[in-house]
Amino acid sequence: MEVAVQCVRTWWTKRSRGGQEAARRNAAPIAFPLPNRPLPFLHEAVMHEHDGFQPRLATRDLPASSLDSGVLLKEVDELLRVHLVVTPYGSPRRNRRPSARRLAPGEWLRWQVNFRFSGYHEWSYRLDTYNAGYGPAQADLFLGTPTHHVDELAILF
């Protein structure tokens, strides 16, 4: 399967909900250049408020289990079916979710979803951006405009 999946995950607390800290958080990228390696693979970028939203990048083979990659991927009739698997622990609950998207070779998808988590001392927040491309993947694949975009962003109180 010729697939590149990139998961960009940004974490923050109430300290980054307004002012200069919010501007810094909002400036965090939602896509990165892809590594030069054979497909399929999962490219992960994680950014946290506590270290100034500096990206920590990792690349690994695309896991066989969707629970390990965050997306369900299935090739059917020369199309790639992509569906995001969301965490059951974050709020708000998403009882109605968008349906899977089908990608033709050469197309790519950006799927975004955000969450609020309760903690012992304070709330934390997370934005997940999944970029998935079907077919050959150049380094700058996810830096442009996606063929498909799914927006599951909610207002987080």
C-alpha atoms as a PDB file:
ATOM      1  CA  MET A   1       0.000   0.000   0.000  1.00  0.00           C
ATOM      2  CA  GLU A   2       1.470   3.351  -1.040  1.00  0.00           C
ATOM      3  CA  VAL A   3       0.357   5.458   1.923  1.00  0.00           C
ATOM      4  CA  ALA A   4       1.956   8.200   3.986  1.00  0.00           C
ATOM      5  CA  VAL A   5       0.193   9.218   7.204  1.00  0.00           C
ATOM      6  CA  GLN A   6       1.279  12.201   9.251  1.00  0.00           C
ATOM      7  CA  CYS A   7      -0.130  12.836  12.724  1.00  0.00           C
ATOM      8  CA  VAL A   8       0.496  16.311  14.129  1.00  0.00           C
ATOM      9  CA  ARG A   9      -0.562  16.598  17.767  1.00  0.00           C
ATOM     10  CA  THR A  10      -0.468  19.853  19.749  1.00  0.00           C
ATOM     11  CA  TRP A  11      -1.040  19.951  23.555  1.00  0.00           C
ATOM     12  CA  TRP A  12      -1.722  23.029  25.720  1.00  0.00           C
ATOM     13  CA  THR A  13      -3.358  24.264  28.937  1.00  0.00           C
ATOM     14  CA  LYS A  14      -5.322  27.385  29.853  1.00  0.00           C
ATOM     15  CA  ARG A  15      -2.043  29.345  29.832  1.00  0.00           C
ATOM     16  CA  SER A  16      -2.132  29.198  26.008  1.00  0.00           C
ATOM     17  CA  ARG A  17      -5.783  30.096  25.546  1.00  0.00           C
ATOM     18  CA  GLY A  18      -5.253  33.844  25.189  1.00  0.00           C
ATOM     19  CA  GLY A  19      -2.714  36.560  24.470  1.00  0.00           C
ATOM     20  CA  GLN A  20       0.841  35.920  23.340  1.00  0.00           C
ATOM     21  CA  GLU A  21       0.793  32.274  24.380  1.00  0.00           C
ATOM     22  CA  ALA A  22      -2.293  31.642  22.241  1.00  0.00           C
ATOM     23  CA  ALA A  23      -0.548  33.322  19.313  1.00  0.00           C
ATOM     24  CA  ARG A  24       2.432  31.008  19.805  1.00  0.00           C
ATOM     25  CA  ARG A  25       0.120  27.973  19.944  1.00  0.00           C
ATOM     26  CA  ASN A  26      -1.804  29.082  16.855  1.00  0.00           C
ATOM     27  CA  ALA A  27       1.480  29.465  14.972  1.00  0.00           C
ATOM     28  CA  ALA A  28       2.321  25.779  15.519  1.00  0.00           C
ATOM     29  CA  PRO A  29       2.376  23.968  12.151  1.00  0.00           C
ATOM     30  CA  ILE A  30      -0.313  21.479  11.131  1.00  0.00           C
ATOM     31  CA  ALA A  31       1.984  19.803   8.584  1.00  0.00           C
ATOM     32  CA  PHE A  32       5.678  19.058   8.177  1.00  0.00           C
ATOM     33  CA  PRO A  33       7.894  17.910   5.319  1.00  0.00           C
ATOM     34  CA  LEU A  34       7.894  14.134   4.996  1.00  0.00           C
ATOM     35  CA  PRO A  35      11.013  12.054   5.543  1.00  0.00           C
ATOM     36  CA  ASN A  36      12.673  10.346   2.600  1.00  0.00           C
ATOM     37  CA  ARG A  37      11.818   6.700   3.183  1.00  0.00           C
ATOM     38  CA  PRO A  38       9.839   3.915   1.512  1.00  0.00           C
ATOM     39  CA  LEU A  39       6.045   3.814   1.875  1.00  0.00           C
ATOM     40  CA  PRO A  40       3.991   3.013   3.874  1.00  0.00           C
ATOM     41  CA  PHE A  41       4.939   4.937   7.018  1.00  0.00           C
ATOM     42  CA  LEU A  42       3.571   6.989   9.907  1.00  0.00           C
ATOM     43  CA  HIS A  43       5.242  10.357  10.511  1.00  0.00           C
ATOM     44  CA  GLU A  44       4.458  11.831  13.919  1.00  0.00           C
ATOM     45  CA  ALA A  45       4.967  15.355  15.246  1.00  0.00           C
ATOM     46  CA  VAL A  46       4.141  16.202  18.856  1.00  0.00           C
ATOM     47  CA  MET A  47       4.248  19.711  20.318  1.00  0.00           C
ATOM     48  CA  HIS A  48       3.661  20.750  23.939  1.00  0.00           C
ATOM     49  CA  GLU A  49       3.081  24.100  25.554  1.00  0.00           C
ATOM     50  CA  HIS A  50       5.687  23.377  28.257  1.00  0.00           C
ATOM     51  CA  ASP A  51       8.539  23.343  25.720  1.00  0.00           C
ATOM     52  CA  GLY A  52       7.378  26.268  23.582  1.00  0.00           C
ATOM     53  CA  PHE A  53       5.613  24.086  20.979  1.00  0.00           C
ATOM     54  CA  GLN A  54       8.897  22.773  19.621  1.00  0.00           C
ATOM     55  CA  PRO A  55       8.086  19.774  17.399  1.00  0.00           C
ATOM     56  CA  ARG A  56       9.343  16.322  18.311  1.00  0.00           C
ATOM     57  CA  LEU A  57       9.377  14.250  15.139  1.00  0.00           C
ATOM     58  CA  ALA A  58       9.401  10.477  14.741  1.00  0.00           C
ATOM     59  CA  THR A  59       8.821   8.115  11.841  1.00  0.00           C
ATOM     60  CA  ARG A  60       7.898   4.445  11.964  1.00  0.00           C
ATOM     61  CA  ASP A  61       6.352   1.754   9.846  1.00  0.00           C
ATOM     62  CA  LEU A  62       2.628   2.166   9.465  1.00  0.00           C
ATOM     63  CA  PRO A  63       1.123  -0.057  12.175  1.00  0.00           C
ATOM     64  CA  ALA A  64      -1.247  -2.841  11.175  1.00  0.00           C
ATOM     65  CA  SER A  65      -3.670  -1.757  13.912  1.00  0.00           C
ATOM     66  CA  SER A  66      -5.685   1.430  13.500  1.00  0.00           C
ATOM     67  CA  LEU A  67      -5.561   1.937  17.259  1.00  0.00           C
ATOM     68  CA  ASP A  68      -1.812   2.442  16.961  1.00  0.00           C
ATOM     69  CA  SER A  69      -1.966   4.860  14.024  1.00  0.00           C
ATOM     70  CA  GLY A  70      -5.209   6.761  14.681  1.00  0.00           C
ATOM     71  CA  VAL A  71      -6.720   6.052  11.261  1.00  0.00           C
ATOM     72  CA  LEU A  72      -8.516   3.162   9.624  1.00  0.00           C
ATOM     73  CA  LEU A  73      -7.069   2.543   6.161  1.00  0.00           C
ATOM     74  CA  LYS A  74      -8.424   0.114   3.597  1.00  0.00           C
ATOM     75  CA  GLU A  75      -7.830  -0.224  -0.140  1.00  0.00           C
ATOM     76  CA  VAL A  76     -11.019  -1.005  -2.072  1.00  0.00           C
ATOM     77  CA  ASP A  77     -11.436  -0.857  -5.853  1.00  0.00           C
ATOM     78  CA  GLU A  78      -8.258   1.206  -6.372  1.00  0.00           C
ATOM     79  CA  LEU A  79      -9.343   3.761  -3.760  1.00  0.00           C
ATOM     80  CA  LEU A  80      -8.072   4.240  -0.222  1.00  0.00           C
ATOM     81  CA  ARG A  81     -10.771   4.444   2.453  1.00  0.00           C
ATOM     82  CA  VAL A  82      -9.649   6.679   5.351  1.00  0.00           C
ATOM     83  CA  HIS A  83     -11.475   7.143   8.646  1.00  0.00           C
ATOM     84  CA  LEU A  84     -10.191   8.782  11.817  1.00  0.00           C
ATOM     85  CA  VAL A  85     -10.337   6.882  15.112  1.00  0.00           C
ATOM     86  CA  VAL A  86     -10.916   9.355  17.971  1.00  0.00           C
ATOM     87  CA  THR A  87     -10.055   8.924  21.625  1.00  0.00           C
ATOM     88  CA  PRO A  88     -12.986   7.955  23.875  1.00  0.00           C
ATOM     89  CA  TYR A  89     -11.514   9.999  26.745  1.00  0.00           C
ATOM     90  CA  GLY A  90     -11.656  13.563  25.437  1.00  0.00           C
ATOM     91  CA  SER A  91     -14.539  16.015  25.406  1.00  0.00           C
ATOM     92  CA  PRO A  92     -16.749  16.918  23.728  1.00  0.00           C
ATOM     93  CA  ARG A  93     -18.198  13.544  22.851  1.00  0.00           C
ATOM     94  CA  ARG A  94     -18.756  13.120  19.152  1.00  0.00           C
ATOM     95  CA  ASN A  95     -21.877  11.013  18.763  1.00  0.00           C
ATOM     96  CA  ARG A  96     -22.245  11.894  15.098  1.00  0.00           C
ATOM     97  CA  ARG A  97     -19.036  11.697  13.160  1.00  0.00           C
ATOM     98  CA  PRO A  98     -18.195  12.348   9.523  1.00  0.00           C
ATOM     99  CA  SER A  99     -18.102   9.317   7.283  1.00  0.00           C
ATOM    100  CA  ALA A 100     -14.899   7.874   5.879  1.00  0.00           C
ATOM    101  CA  ARG A 101     -13.344   9.552   2.869  1.00  0.00           C
ATOM    102  CA  ARG A 102     -12.121   7.761  -0.235  1.00  0.00           C
ATOM    103  CA  LEU A 103      -8.901   8.856  -1.873  1.00  0.00           C
ATOM    104  CA  ALA A 104      -7.877   8.159  -5.439  1.00  0.00           C
ATOM    105  CA  PRO A 105      -4.173   7.729  -6.216  1.00  0.00           C
ATOM    106  CA  GLY A 106      -2.443  11.107  -5.989  1.00  0.00           C
ATOM    107  CA  GLU A 107      -4.981  12.594  -3.548  1.00  0.00           C
ATOM    108  CA  TRP A 108      -4.529  13.487   0.099  1.00  0.00           C
ATOM    109  CA  LEU A 109      -6.712  14.260   3.080  1.00  0.00           C
ATOM    110  CA  ARG A 110      -6.421  16.539   6.110  1.00  0.00           C
ATOM    111  CA  TRP A 111      -8.637  15.556   9.057  1.00  0.00           C
ATOM    112  CA  GLN A 112      -8.662  17.767  12.170  1.00  0.00           C
ATOM    113  CA  VAL A 113     -10.234  17.131  15.550  1.00  0.00           C
ATOM    114  CA  ASN A 114      -9.730  18.731  18.980  1.00  0.00           C
ATOM    115  CA  PHE A 115     -10.370  17.697  22.573  1.00  0.00           C
ATOM    116  CA  ARG A 116     -10.461  18.890  26.169  1.00  0.00           C
ATOM    117  CA  PHE A 117      -9.238  16.575  28.926  1.00  0.00           C
ATOM    118  CA  SER A 118      -9.843  16.844  32.657  1.00  0.00           C
ATOM    119  CA  GLY A 119      -6.861  16.460  34.916  1.00  0.00           C
ATOM    120  CA  TYR A 120      -6.077  16.513  38.598  1.00  0.00           C
ATOM    121  CA  HIS A 121      -5.024  20.159  38.604  1.00  0.00           C
ATOM    122  CA  GLU A 122      -6.200  21.734  35.348  1.00  0.00           C
ATOM    123  CA  TRP A 123      -7.755  21.170  31.952  1.00  0.00           C
ATOM    124  CA  SER A 124      -5.563  20.253  29.022  1.00  0.00           C
ATOM    125  CA  TYR A 125      -6.384  20.614  25.351  1.00  0.00           C
ATOM    126  CA  ARG A 126      -5.266  18.829  22.205  1.00  0.00           C
ATOM    127  CA  LEU A 127      -5.482  19.423  18.479  1.00  0.00           C
ATOM    128  CA  ASP A 128      -4.926  16.385  16.247  1.00  0.00           C
ATOM    129  CA  THR A 129      -4.268  16.926  12.559  1.00  0.00           C
ATOM    130  CA  TYR A 130      -4.031  13.809  10.401  1.00  0.00           C
ATOM    131  CA  ASN A 131      -2.676  14.129   6.894  1.00  0.00           C
ATOM    132  CA  ALA A 132      -2.974  10.994   4.733  1.00  0.00           C
ATOM    133  CA  GLY A 133      -1.731  10.648   1.185  1.00  0.00           C
ATOM    134  CA  TYR A 134      -2.370   7.847  -1.292  1.00  0.00           C
ATOM    135  CA  GLY A 135       0.339   7.211  -3.837  1.00  0.00           C
ATOM    136  CA  PRO A 136       3.894   8.483  -4.208  1.00  0.00           C
ATOM    137  CA  ALA A 137       4.791  11.013  -1.514  1.00  0.00           C
ATOM    138  CA  GLN A 138       7.135  13.937  -2.108  1.00  0.00           C
ATOM    139  CA  ALA A 139       8.609  15.668   0.951  1.00  0.00           C
ATOM    140  CA  ASP A 140       6.293  18.681   0.552  1.00  0.00           C
ATOM    141  CA  LEU A 141       3.091  16.668  -0.017  1.00  0.00           C
ATOM    142  CA  PHE A 142       1.207  17.922   3.056  1.00  0.00           C
ATOM    143  CA  LEU A 143       2.442  21.528   2.891  1.00  0.00           C
ATOM    144  CA  GLY A 144      -0.109  22.568   0.258  1.00  0.00           C
ATOM    145  CA  THR A 145      -3.881  22.469  -0.062  1.00  0.00           C
ATOM    146  CA  PRO A 146      -5.481  19.078   0.619  1.00  0.00           C
ATOM    147  CA  THR A 147      -7.694  17.336  -1.922  1.00  0.00           C
ATOM    148  CA  HIS A 148     -10.144  16.603   0.926  1.00  0.00           C
ATOM    149  CA  HIS A 149     -10.570  18.296   4.318  1.00  0.00           C
ATOM    150  CA  VAL A 150     -12.621  17.063   7.275  1.00  0.00           C
ATOM    151  CA  ASP A 151     -13.180  19.559  10.086  1.00  0.00           C
ATOM    152  CA  GLU A 152     -14.257  18.110  13.439  1.00  0.00           C
ATOM    153  CA  LEU A 153     -13.118  21.135  15.438  1.00  0.00           C
ATOM    154  CA  ALA A 154     -15.364  21.975  18.363  1.00  0.00           C
ATOM    155  CA  ILE A 155     -15.556  24.925  20.729  1.00  0.00           C
ATOM    156  CA  LEU A 156     -13.529  23.913  23.784  1.00  0.00           C
ATOM    157  CA  PHE A 157     -14.636  25.619  26.992  1.00  0.00           C
END
